[in-house]
Amino acid sequence: SPWTYYLPGGISIGAGKVLTVSAGRVVKPGLNTEFYVAGTLNVNGTSGNKVYFTDFRDDTVGGDSNGDGLTSGRAGDWAFLWYYNPTNVLHDALLRYGGCSYGMVVLQAPASGSVMEMRNLILEEADLAGLRVLSGQMPWLHGSTIRNCVRGVYADVPVRVEQNTISGCTWGLDVDGGSSVITGSCSTMPSKGR
């Protein structure tokens, strides 16, 4: 069975620092827990053995880690993975029940330089957005599934969104339409460019 980590408080990974989460691990943040990534967060999941970030009350993975019987989480119970460093690659992970305030995965990176890649993700049950992009050099989301979020992708800057499935969201894509690249992504919900 996977190892489960309960995190009652936030984590900040400073510039030049590295935190690795191995394949199959389950990370259960407490209420409003925030992850800030200025260094490197290695999420080493694989297609058959993902890393999970889910609410501490979610008993569907990692068991009943809080000892209160069979329960599930709620959208927005934990906060976000907030990336300042676009050299990170977020892949082969399932993130569920986060996103209070901004979005579940938030990118606020320099407008020039590296492009953050996100692939083979499942982002679900997020409050506000599965992916929230505040700034960055055209981040790239591909091969992922976003479902049951208020917004699937919510971006203030152009983004590259390719070969994704977005469903069950109030808005599938809410992006700055300027020079965004959106190809092969299926959204069954309304989308809009700004």
N, C-alpha and C. Protein backbone atom coordinates (compact mmCIF):
# COMPACT_ATOMS: atom_id res chain seq x y z
N SER A 1 0.85 -1.19 0.00
CA SER A 1 0.00 0.00 0.00
C SER A 1 0.88 1.24 0.00
N PRO A 2 0.39 2.35 -0.54
CA PRO A 2 1.22 3.56 -0.63
C PRO A 2 1.45 4.18 0.74
N TRP A 3 2.53 4.90 0.85
CA TRP A 3 2.80 5.66 2.05
C TRP A 3 1.95 6.91 2.01
N THR A 4 1.42 7.30 3.16
CA THR A 4 0.58 8.47 3.26
C THR A 4 1.24 9.49 4.19
N TYR A 5 1.31 10.73 3.74
CA TYR A 5 1.86 11.81 4.53
C TYR A 5 0.75 12.81 4.83
N TYR A 6 0.52 13.10 6.10
CA TYR A 6 -0.43 14.12 6.50
C TYR A 6 0.34 15.39 6.82
N LEU A 7 -0.03 16.49 6.20
CA LEU A 7 0.66 17.77 6.41
C LEU A 7 -0.31 18.79 6.97
N PRO A 8 -0.26 19.03 8.29
CA PRO A 8 -1.21 19.96 8.90
C PRO A 8 -0.92 21.43 8.59
N GLY A 9 0.30 21.73 8.12
CA GLY A 9 0.65 23.11 7.82
C GLY A 9 1.36 23.21 6.49
N GLY A 10 1.61 24.43 6.07
CA GLY A 10 2.19 24.68 4.75
C GLY A 10 3.65 24.31 4.63
N ILE A 11 4.10 24.25 3.39
CA ILE A 11 5.48 23.94 3.06
C ILE A 11 5.97 24.99 2.07
N SER A 12 7.20 25.44 2.26
CA SER A 12 7.83 26.35 1.33
C SER A 12 9.17 25.75 0.92
N ILE A 13 9.35 25.53 -0.38
CA ILE A 13 10.59 24.98 -0.90
C ILE A 13 11.38 26.15 -1.47
N GLY A 14 12.42 26.54 -0.78
CA GLY A 14 13.20 27.71 -1.17
C GLY A 14 14.01 27.50 -2.43
N ALA A 15 14.43 28.60 -3.03
CA ALA A 15 15.27 28.55 -4.23
C ALA A 15 16.50 27.70 -3.94
N GLY A 16 16.83 26.81 -4.85
CA GLY A 16 17.99 25.94 -4.69
C GLY A 16 17.73 24.69 -3.86
N LYS A 17 16.55 24.56 -3.29
CA LYS A 17 16.19 23.40 -2.46
C LYS A 17 15.33 22.44 -3.27
N VAL A 18 15.34 21.16 -2.87
CA VAL A 18 14.61 20.12 -3.60
C VAL A 18 13.82 19.27 -2.61
N LEU A 19 12.56 18.99 -2.95
CA LEU A 19 11.73 18.04 -2.22
C LEU A 19 11.23 17.03 -3.23
N THR A 20 11.41 15.73 -2.93
CA THR A 20 10.99 14.67 -3.84
C THR A 20 9.86 13.87 -3.21
N VAL A 21 8.82 13.62 -3.98
CA VAL A 21 7.72 12.76 -3.56
C VAL A 21 7.71 11.57 -4.53
N SER A 22 7.94 10.37 -4.00
CA SER A 22 8.09 9.18 -4.82
C SER A 22 6.76 8.67 -5.36
N ALA A 23 6.82 7.88 -6.42
CA ALA A 23 5.65 7.29 -7.05
C ALA A 23 4.82 6.52 -6.02
N GLY A 24 3.52 6.64 -6.13
CA GLY A 24 2.60 5.92 -5.26
C GLY A 24 2.35 6.56 -3.91
N ARG A 25 3.05 7.63 -3.59
CA ARG A 25 2.86 8.28 -2.29
C ARG A 25 1.57 9.09 -2.30
N VAL A 26 0.98 9.24 -1.13
CA VAL A 26 -0.24 10.01 -0.96
C VAL A 26 0.07 11.15 0.00
N VAL A 27 -0.15 12.39 -0.44
CA VAL A 27 0.08 13.57 0.39
C VAL A 27 -1.30 14.14 0.71
N LYS A 28 -1.59 14.22 2.02
CA LYS A 28 -2.89 14.72 2.47
C LYS A 28 -2.70 16.01 3.27
N PRO A 29 -2.87 17.16 2.58
CA PRO A 29 -2.75 18.44 3.27
C PRO A 29 -3.96 18.69 4.18
N GLY A 30 -3.70 19.40 5.27
CA GLY A 30 -4.78 19.83 6.15
C GLY A 30 -5.51 21.03 5.57
N LEU A 31 -6.50 21.52 6.30
CA LEU A 31 -7.30 22.66 5.84
C LEU A 31 -6.41 23.85 5.49
N ASN A 32 -6.64 24.43 4.33
CA ASN A 32 -5.96 25.63 3.85
C ASN A 32 -4.45 25.50 3.71
N THR A 33 -3.92 24.30 3.67
CA THR A 33 -2.48 24.09 3.56
C THR A 33 -1.99 24.56 2.20
N GLU A 34 -0.87 25.29 2.23
CA GLU A 34 -0.29 25.87 1.02
C GLU A 34 1.09 25.29 0.79
N PHE A 35 1.42 25.02 -0.48
CA PHE A 35 2.76 24.59 -0.89
C PHE A 35 3.32 25.68 -1.79
N TYR A 36 4.45 26.29 -1.41
CA TYR A 36 5.10 27.30 -2.24
C TYR A 36 6.39 26.70 -2.78
N VAL A 37 6.59 26.80 -4.10
CA VAL A 37 7.73 26.15 -4.73
C VAL A 37 8.57 27.19 -5.48
N ALA A 38 9.64 27.66 -4.83
CA ALA A 38 10.61 28.53 -5.49
C ALA A 38 11.81 27.70 -5.95
N GLY A 39 11.98 26.53 -5.33
CA GLY A 39 13.03 25.59 -5.71
C GLY A 39 12.45 24.53 -6.62
N THR A 40 12.64 23.25 -6.25
CA THR A 40 12.19 22.14 -7.08
C THR A 40 11.33 21.18 -6.28
N LEU A 41 10.15 20.89 -6.79
CA LEU A 41 9.29 19.84 -6.24
C LEU A 41 9.27 18.71 -7.26
N ASN A 42 10.02 17.64 -6.97
CA ASN A 42 10.05 16.47 -7.84
C ASN A 42 8.88 15.57 -7.47
N VAL A 43 7.88 15.54 -8.31
CA VAL A 43 6.74 14.64 -8.14
C VAL A 43 7.01 13.49 -9.10
N ASN A 44 7.51 12.38 -8.56
CA ASN A 44 8.03 11.29 -9.39
C ASN A 44 7.02 10.18 -9.62
N GLY A 45 5.78 10.54 -9.96
CA GLY A 45 4.80 9.53 -10.32
C GLY A 45 5.10 8.94 -11.68
N THR A 46 4.42 7.85 -11.98
CA THR A 46 4.50 7.23 -13.30
C THR A 46 3.07 7.06 -13.80
N SER A 47 2.91 6.68 -15.06
CA SER A 47 1.55 6.54 -15.60
C SER A 47 0.76 5.48 -14.83
N GLY A 48 1.42 4.46 -14.32
CA GLY A 48 0.72 3.40 -13.58
C GLY A 48 0.80 3.54 -12.07
N ASN A 49 1.51 4.54 -11.58
CA ASN A 49 1.72 4.70 -10.14
C ASN A 49 1.85 6.19 -9.81
N LYS A 50 0.71 6.87 -9.83
CA LYS A 50 0.69 8.32 -9.65
C LYS A 50 1.01 8.73 -8.21
N VAL A 51 1.35 9.98 -8.04
CA VAL A 51 1.45 10.63 -6.73
C VAL A 51 0.10 11.32 -6.52
N TYR A 52 -0.42 11.25 -5.29
CA TYR A 52 -1.72 11.85 -4.96
C TYR A 52 -1.54 13.01 -4.00
N PHE A 53 -2.22 14.11 -4.29
CA PHE A 53 -2.38 15.23 -3.37
C PHE A 53 -3.88 15.35 -3.17
N THR A 54 -4.37 15.08 -1.97
CA THR A 54 -5.81 15.10 -1.73
C THR A 54 -6.09 15.52 -0.30
N ASP A 55 -7.31 15.89 -0.04
CA ASP A 55 -7.75 16.34 1.27
C ASP A 55 -7.49 15.28 2.35
N PHE A 56 -7.14 15.72 3.54
CA PHE A 56 -6.86 14.78 4.63
C PHE A 56 -8.07 13.93 5.00
N ARG A 57 -9.27 14.37 4.59
CA ARG A 57 -10.48 13.59 4.89
C ARG A 57 -10.84 12.59 3.78
N ASP A 58 -10.08 12.61 2.69
CA ASP A 58 -10.37 11.73 1.56
C ASP A 58 -9.83 10.33 1.86
N ASP A 59 -10.73 9.40 2.13
CA ASP A 59 -10.33 8.03 2.49
C ASP A 59 -10.23 7.10 1.28
N THR A 60 -10.45 7.62 0.06
CA THR A 60 -10.40 6.76 -1.12
C THR A 60 -8.97 6.36 -1.49
N VAL A 61 -7.98 7.12 -1.06
CA VAL A 61 -6.57 6.77 -1.22
C VAL A 61 -5.86 7.00 0.11
N GLY A 62 -4.97 6.11 0.46
CA GLY A 62 -4.21 6.28 1.69
C GLY A 62 -4.96 5.93 2.96
N GLY A 63 -6.19 5.44 2.84
CA GLY A 63 -6.95 4.99 4.00
C GLY A 63 -7.51 6.13 4.84
N ASP A 64 -8.00 5.76 6.00
CA ASP A 64 -8.62 6.70 6.95
C ASP A 64 -7.52 7.33 7.80
N SER A 65 -6.80 8.26 7.23
CA SER A 65 -5.63 8.81 7.91
C SER A 65 -5.97 9.72 9.09
N ASN A 66 -7.21 10.18 9.19
CA ASN A 66 -7.56 11.03 10.33
C ASN A 66 -8.46 10.31 11.34
N GLY A 67 -8.72 9.02 11.11
CA GLY A 67 -9.41 8.19 12.10
C GLY A 67 -10.85 8.53 12.37
N ASP A 68 -11.57 9.11 11.40
CA ASP A 68 -12.96 9.50 11.66
C ASP A 68 -13.97 8.66 10.89
N GLY A 69 -13.56 7.49 10.41
CA GLY A 69 -14.47 6.65 9.63
C GLY A 69 -14.47 7.07 8.18
N LEU A 70 -15.24 6.41 7.36
CA LEU A 70 -15.26 6.64 5.92
C LEU A 70 -15.78 8.03 5.58
N THR A 71 -14.91 8.87 5.02
CA THR A 71 -15.28 10.24 4.62
C THR A 71 -14.64 10.57 3.28
N SER A 72 -15.09 11.65 2.68
CA SER A 72 -14.47 12.16 1.47
C SER A 72 -14.12 13.62 1.70
N GLY A 73 -13.37 14.19 0.78
CA GLY A 73 -12.96 15.58 0.91
C GLY A 73 -13.99 16.53 0.33
N ARG A 74 -13.60 17.80 0.27
CA ARG A 74 -14.47 18.84 -0.25
C ARG A 74 -13.61 19.84 -1.03
N ALA A 75 -14.11 20.29 -2.16
CA ALA A 75 -13.38 21.24 -2.99
C ALA A 75 -12.93 22.44 -2.17
N GLY A 76 -11.66 22.78 -2.27
CA GLY A 76 -11.11 23.94 -1.59
C GLY A 76 -10.67 23.69 -0.17
N ASP A 77 -10.69 22.44 0.30
CA ASP A 77 -10.27 22.17 1.69
C ASP A 77 -8.78 22.47 1.90
N TRP A 78 -7.93 22.12 0.94
CA TRP A 78 -6.52 22.54 1.03
C TRP A 78 -6.30 23.58 -0.06
N ALA A 79 -5.21 24.28 0.00
CA ALA A 79 -5.04 25.44 -0.87
C ALA A 79 -4.47 25.08 -2.25
N PHE A 80 -3.15 24.97 -2.37
CA PHE A 80 -2.57 24.89 -3.71
C PHE A 80 -1.11 24.45 -3.69
N LEU A 81 -0.63 24.08 -4.88
CA LEU A 81 0.79 24.01 -5.20
C LEU A 81 1.06 25.29 -5.98
N TRP A 82 1.84 26.20 -5.42
CA TRP A 82 2.09 27.51 -6.03
C TRP A 82 3.54 27.54 -6.51
N TYR A 83 3.70 27.56 -7.82
CA TYR A 83 5.03 27.51 -8.43
C TYR A 83 5.52 28.89 -8.83
N TYR A 84 6.72 29.24 -8.33
CA TYR A 84 7.42 30.44 -8.77
C TYR A 84 8.53 30.07 -9.76
N ASN A 85 8.94 28.81 -9.74
CA ASN A 85 10.06 28.34 -10.55
C ASN A 85 9.54 27.51 -11.73
N PRO A 86 9.59 28.05 -12.95
CA PRO A 86 9.02 27.34 -14.10
C PRO A 86 9.88 26.19 -14.62
N THR A 87 11.04 25.94 -14.03
CA THR A 87 11.84 24.80 -14.47
C THR A 87 11.30 23.49 -13.91
N ASN A 88 10.33 23.55 -13.02
CA ASN A 88 9.68 22.35 -12.52
C ASN A 88 8.87 21.69 -13.63
N VAL A 89 8.73 20.37 -13.54
CA VAL A 89 7.85 19.61 -14.42
C VAL A 89 6.90 18.84 -13.50
N LEU A 90 5.62 19.14 -13.58
CA LEU A 90 4.62 18.44 -12.77
C LEU A 90 3.98 17.38 -13.65
N HIS A 91 4.11 16.11 -13.26
CA HIS A 91 3.61 15.04 -14.12
C HIS A 91 3.14 13.84 -13.29
N ASP A 92 2.28 13.04 -13.91
CA ASP A 92 1.82 11.77 -13.36
C ASP A 92 1.39 11.90 -11.90
N ALA A 93 0.45 12.82 -11.69
CA ALA A 93 -0.09 13.04 -10.35
C ALA A 93 -1.59 13.27 -10.44
N LEU A 94 -2.28 12.96 -9.35
CA LEU A 94 -3.69 13.24 -9.21
C LEU A 94 -3.84 14.23 -8.07
N LEU A 95 -4.43 15.38 -8.34
CA LEU A 95 -4.66 16.41 -7.33
C LEU A 95 -6.15 16.60 -7.19
N ARG A 96 -6.63 16.53 -5.95
CA ARG A 96 -8.08 16.54 -5.70
C ARG A 96 -8.39 17.37 -4.45
N TYR A 97 -9.53 18.07 -4.48
CA TYR A 97 -10.11 18.80 -3.35
C TYR A 97 -9.30 20.00 -2.87
N GLY A 98 -8.47 20.57 -3.73
CA GLY A 98 -7.72 21.77 -3.35
C GLY A 98 -8.31 22.99 -4.03
N GLY A 99 -7.51 24.05 -4.08
CA GLY A 99 -7.86 25.21 -4.88
C GLY A 99 -8.55 26.34 -4.18
N CYS A 100 -8.56 26.37 -2.85
CA CYS A 100 -9.21 27.51 -2.21
C CYS A 100 -8.44 28.79 -2.55
N SER A 101 -9.11 29.83 -2.78
CA SER A 101 -8.59 31.17 -3.05
C SER A 101 -8.13 31.40 -4.49
N TYR A 102 -7.25 30.59 -5.03
CA TYR A 102 -6.68 30.85 -6.35
C TYR A 102 -6.93 29.74 -7.36
N GLY A 103 -6.53 28.55 -7.04
CA GLY A 103 -6.61 27.40 -7.91
C GLY A 103 -5.76 26.31 -7.29
N MET A 104 -5.88 25.09 -7.77
CA MET A 104 -5.16 23.97 -7.16
C MET A 104 -3.68 23.96 -7.55
N VAL A 105 -3.39 24.20 -8.82
CA VAL A 105 -2.01 24.38 -9.28
C VAL A 105 -1.93 25.81 -9.78
N VAL A 106 -1.03 26.60 -9.18
CA VAL A 106 -0.91 28.02 -9.52
C VAL A 106 0.50 28.28 -10.03
N LEU A 107 0.60 28.98 -11.13
CA LEU A 107 1.90 29.36 -11.69
C LEU A 107 2.01 30.87 -11.68
N GLN A 108 3.05 31.35 -10.99
CA GLN A 108 3.37 32.78 -10.99
C GLN A 108 4.88 32.87 -11.22
N ALA A 109 5.26 32.85 -12.48
CA ALA A 109 6.67 32.77 -12.86
C ALA A 109 7.06 33.97 -13.71
N PRO A 110 8.37 34.16 -13.92
CA PRO A 110 8.80 35.26 -14.79
C PRO A 110 8.20 35.15 -16.18
N ALA A 111 8.00 36.29 -16.82
CA ALA A 111 7.38 36.32 -18.15
C ALA A 111 8.34 35.88 -19.24
N SER A 112 9.60 35.70 -18.92
CA SER A 112 10.56 35.22 -19.91
C SER A 112 11.39 34.11 -19.27
N GLY A 113 11.97 33.29 -20.10
CA GLY A 113 12.79 32.19 -19.58
C GLY A 113 12.14 30.85 -19.81
N SER A 114 12.23 29.98 -18.83
CA SER A 114 11.76 28.60 -18.96
C SER A 114 10.24 28.51 -19.06
N VAL A 115 9.79 27.46 -19.73
CA VAL A 115 8.36 27.16 -19.86
C VAL A 115 8.05 26.00 -18.93
N MET A 116 7.11 26.16 -18.00
CA MET A 116 6.75 25.07 -17.12
C MET A 116 5.88 24.07 -17.87
N GLU A 117 6.23 22.79 -17.75
CA GLU A 117 5.48 21.72 -18.38
C GLU A 117 4.68 20.97 -17.32
N MET A 118 3.42 20.69 -17.66
CA MET A 118 2.53 19.89 -16.81
C MET A 118 1.90 18.84 -17.70
N ARG A 119 2.05 17.54 -17.34
CA ARG A 119 1.56 16.49 -18.21
C ARG A 119 1.05 15.30 -17.42
N ASN A 120 0.13 14.57 -18.04
CA ASN A 120 -0.41 13.34 -17.46
C ASN A 120 -0.94 13.56 -16.04
N LEU A 121 -1.67 14.65 -15.88
CA LEU A 121 -2.25 14.99 -14.58
C LEU A 121 -3.74 14.69 -14.57
N ILE A 122 -4.26 14.48 -13.38
CA ILE A 122 -5.70 14.51 -13.14
C ILE A 122 -5.92 15.59 -12.09
N LEU A 123 -6.64 16.63 -12.46
CA LEU A 123 -6.97 17.72 -11.55
C LEU A 123 -8.48 17.69 -11.39
N GLU A 124 -8.97 17.43 -10.18
CA GLU A 124 -10.42 17.29 -10.01
C GLU A 124 -10.91 17.85 -8.69
N GLU A 125 -12.18 18.26 -8.72
CA GLU A 125 -12.87 18.76 -7.53
C GLU A 125 -12.16 19.96 -6.91
N ALA A 126 -11.69 20.88 -7.75
CA ALA A 126 -11.01 22.07 -7.25
C ALA A 126 -11.97 23.24 -7.14
N ASP A 127 -11.79 24.01 -6.10
CA ASP A 127 -12.51 25.26 -5.95
C ASP A 127 -11.78 26.29 -6.81
N LEU A 128 -12.46 27.10 -7.50
CA LEU A 128 -11.98 28.13 -8.42
C LEU A 128 -11.38 27.56 -9.70
N ALA A 129 -10.22 26.87 -9.65
CA ALA A 129 -9.60 26.39 -10.90
C ALA A 129 -8.71 25.18 -10.65
N GLY A 130 -8.69 24.30 -11.65
CA GLY A 130 -7.72 23.19 -11.60
C GLY A 130 -6.32 23.75 -11.81
N LEU A 131 -6.15 24.57 -12.86
CA LEU A 131 -4.88 25.24 -13.14
C LEU A 131 -5.13 26.72 -13.22
N ARG A 132 -4.38 27.51 -12.45
CA ARG A 132 -4.47 28.97 -12.45
C ARG A 132 -3.12 29.52 -12.84
N VAL A 133 -3.07 30.29 -13.92
CA VAL A 133 -1.81 30.86 -14.39
C VAL A 133 -1.88 32.38 -14.25
N LEU A 134 -1.08 32.92 -13.35
CA LEU A 134 -1.04 34.36 -13.12
C LEU A 134 -0.01 35.04 -14.01
N SER A 135 1.13 34.36 -14.22
CA SER A 135 2.18 34.89 -15.08
C SER A 135 3.09 33.73 -15.48
N GLY A 136 3.87 33.95 -16.51
CA GLY A 136 4.79 32.91 -16.96
C GLY A 136 4.98 32.95 -18.46
N GLN A 137 5.96 32.21 -18.92
CA GLN A 137 6.29 32.14 -20.35
C GLN A 137 5.52 30.99 -20.97
N MET A 138 4.27 31.21 -21.35
CA MET A 138 3.40 30.27 -22.05
C MET A 138 3.51 28.84 -21.51
N PRO A 139 3.08 28.59 -20.28
CA PRO A 139 3.16 27.25 -19.70
C PRO A 139 2.41 26.23 -20.56
N TRP A 140 2.86 24.97 -20.48
CA TRP A 140 2.36 23.92 -21.37
C TRP A 140 1.69 22.82 -20.57
N LEU A 141 0.38 22.64 -20.78
CA LEU A 141 -0.40 21.57 -20.16
C LEU A 141 -0.82 20.61 -21.26
N HIS A 142 -0.46 19.33 -21.09
CA HIS A 142 -0.84 18.37 -22.13
C HIS A 142 -1.06 16.98 -21.54
N GLY A 143 -1.92 16.22 -22.26
CA GLY A 143 -2.19 14.83 -21.88
C GLY A 143 -2.84 14.68 -20.52
N SER A 144 -3.63 15.66 -20.11
CA SER A 144 -4.18 15.67 -18.76
C SER A 144 -5.71 15.68 -18.77
N THR A 145 -6.28 15.41 -17.60
CA THR A 145 -7.72 15.44 -17.40
C THR A 145 -8.04 16.43 -16.29
N ILE A 146 -8.97 17.32 -16.57
CA ILE A 146 -9.45 18.26 -15.55
C ILE A 146 -10.96 18.08 -15.48
N ARG A 147 -11.46 17.83 -14.27
CA ARG A 147 -12.90 17.61 -14.15
C ARG A 147 -13.44 18.14 -12.82
N ASN A 148 -14.70 18.60 -12.92
CA ASN A 148 -15.47 19.03 -11.75
C ASN A 148 -14.80 20.15 -10.96
N CYS A 149 -14.33 21.16 -11.68
CA CYS A 149 -13.76 22.36 -11.07
C CYS A 149 -14.62 23.54 -11.52
N VAL A 150 -14.58 24.65 -10.82
CA VAL A 150 -15.31 25.82 -11.29
C VAL A 150 -14.77 26.23 -12.66
N ARG A 151 -13.44 26.34 -12.78
CA ARG A 151 -12.77 26.58 -14.06
C ARG A 151 -11.73 25.49 -14.25
N GLY A 152 -11.64 24.96 -15.46
CA GLY A 152 -10.60 23.98 -15.73
C GLY A 152 -9.23 24.64 -15.76
N VAL A 153 -9.05 25.56 -16.72
CA VAL A 153 -7.83 26.36 -16.85
C VAL A 153 -8.24 27.82 -16.82
N TYR A 154 -7.62 28.58 -15.92
CA TYR A 154 -7.92 30.00 -15.75
C TYR A 154 -6.59 30.73 -15.84
N ALA A 155 -6.37 31.47 -16.95
CA ALA A 155 -5.06 32.06 -17.20
C ALA A 155 -5.15 33.54 -17.56
N ASP A 156 -4.26 34.32 -16.96
CA ASP A 156 -4.15 35.75 -17.27
C ASP A 156 -3.14 36.02 -18.38
N VAL A 157 -2.41 35.01 -18.78
CA VAL A 157 -1.41 35.11 -19.84
C VAL A 157 -1.64 33.99 -20.84
N PRO A 158 -1.08 34.08 -22.03
CA PRO A 158 -1.24 33.00 -22.99
C PRO A 158 -0.69 31.67 -22.45
N VAL A 159 -1.38 30.60 -22.79
CA VAL A 159 -0.99 29.25 -22.37
C VAL A 159 -1.02 28.32 -23.57
N ARG A 160 -0.35 27.19 -23.42
CA ARG A 160 -0.36 26.14 -24.44
C ARG A 160 -1.09 24.95 -23.82
N VAL A 161 -2.27 24.64 -24.33
CA VAL A 161 -3.13 23.59 -23.79
C VAL A 161 -3.40 22.60 -24.92
N GLU A 162 -2.83 21.40 -24.81
CA GLU A 162 -2.91 20.44 -25.91
C GLU A 162 -3.26 19.04 -25.42
N GLN A 163 -4.19 18.41 -26.13
CA GLN A 163 -4.54 17.00 -25.90
C GLN A 163 -4.99 16.73 -24.45
N ASN A 164 -5.91 17.53 -23.95
CA ASN A 164 -6.46 17.38 -22.61
C ASN A 164 -7.96 17.10 -22.70
N THR A 165 -8.52 16.58 -21.65
CA THR A 165 -9.97 16.40 -21.54
C THR A 165 -10.43 17.21 -20.34
N ILE A 166 -11.36 18.11 -20.57
CA ILE A 166 -11.88 18.99 -19.52
C ILE A 166 -13.39 18.79 -19.47
N SER A 167 -13.92 18.41 -18.30
CA SER A 167 -15.36 18.13 -18.19
C SER A 167 -15.87 18.49 -16.80
N GLY A 168 -17.17 18.72 -16.72
CA GLY A 168 -17.83 18.97 -15.45
C GLY A 168 -17.47 20.29 -14.79
N CYS A 169 -16.90 21.22 -15.55
CA CYS A 169 -16.50 22.52 -15.01
C CYS A 169 -17.50 23.58 -15.46
N THR A 170 -17.72 24.61 -14.66
CA THR A 170 -18.57 25.72 -15.08
C THR A 170 -17.99 26.37 -16.33
N TRP A 171 -16.66 26.62 -16.32
CA TRP A 171 -15.92 27.12 -17.48
C TRP A 171 -14.79 26.14 -17.74
N GLY A 172 -14.72 25.59 -18.95
CA GLY A 172 -13.62 24.68 -19.29
C GLY A 172 -12.31 25.42 -19.38
N LEU A 173 -12.30 26.46 -20.21
CA LEU A 173 -11.11 27.29 -20.41
C LEU A 173 -11.50 28.75 -20.26
N ASP A 174 -10.78 29.47 -19.42
CA ASP A 174 -10.98 30.90 -19.26
C ASP A 174 -9.58 31.50 -19.37
N VAL A 175 -9.19 31.83 -20.61
CA VAL A 175 -7.80 32.20 -20.84
C VAL A 175 -7.69 33.52 -21.59
N ASP A 176 -6.52 34.15 -21.43
CA ASP A 176 -6.16 35.30 -22.22
C ASP A 176 -5.99 34.79 -23.64
N GLY A 177 -6.87 35.20 -24.52
CA GLY A 177 -6.87 34.65 -25.87
C GLY A 177 -5.78 35.16 -26.78
N GLY A 178 -4.99 36.14 -26.34
CA GLY A 178 -3.98 36.78 -27.17
C GLY A 178 -3.25 35.84 -28.10
N SER A 179 -2.36 35.03 -27.59
CA SER A 179 -1.59 34.11 -28.43
C SER A 179 -1.58 32.72 -27.83
N SER A 180 -2.64 32.35 -27.11
CA SER A 180 -2.72 31.01 -26.54
C SER A 180 -2.80 29.98 -27.67
N VAL A 181 -2.26 28.79 -27.39
CA VAL A 181 -2.33 27.67 -28.31
C VAL A 181 -3.20 26.61 -27.66
N ILE A 182 -4.35 26.33 -28.25
CA ILE A 182 -5.27 25.35 -27.69
C ILE A 182 -5.61 24.38 -28.82
N THR A 183 -5.08 23.15 -28.72
CA THR A 183 -5.30 22.17 -29.78
C THR A 183 -5.62 20.81 -29.18
N GLY A 184 -6.51 20.10 -29.83
CA GLY A 184 -6.81 18.73 -29.46
C GLY A 184 -7.36 18.55 -28.06
N SER A 185 -7.76 19.62 -27.41
CA SER A 185 -8.32 19.53 -26.07
C SER A 185 -9.83 19.55 -26.17
N CYS A 186 -10.45 18.64 -25.50
CA CYS A 186 -11.90 18.50 -25.54
C CYS A 186 -12.47 19.07 -24.26
N SER A 187 -13.29 20.10 -24.38
CA SER A 187 -13.98 20.67 -23.24
C SER A 187 -15.47 20.54 -23.48
N THR A 188 -16.15 19.89 -22.57
CA THR A 188 -17.60 19.74 -22.71
C THR A 188 -18.33 20.89 -22.03
N MET A 189 -17.60 21.87 -21.55
CA MET A 189 -18.19 23.01 -20.85
C MET A 189 -17.90 24.29 -21.64
N PRO A 190 -18.59 25.39 -21.33
CA PRO A 190 -18.33 26.64 -22.02
C PRO A 190 -16.88 27.08 -21.81
N SER A 191 -16.34 27.77 -22.78
CA SER A 191 -14.98 28.32 -22.70
C SER A 191 -15.05 29.75 -23.19
N LYS A 192 -14.07 30.55 -22.73
CA LYS A 192 -14.03 31.93 -23.20
C LYS A 192 -12.60 32.42 -23.23
N GLY A 193 -12.34 33.32 -24.16
CA GLY A 193 -11.06 34.01 -24.23
C GLY A 193 -11.28 35.45 -23.79
N ARG A 194 -10.25 36.03 -23.23
CA ARG A 194 -10.37 37.42 -22.80
C ARG A 194 -9.42 38.28 -23.59
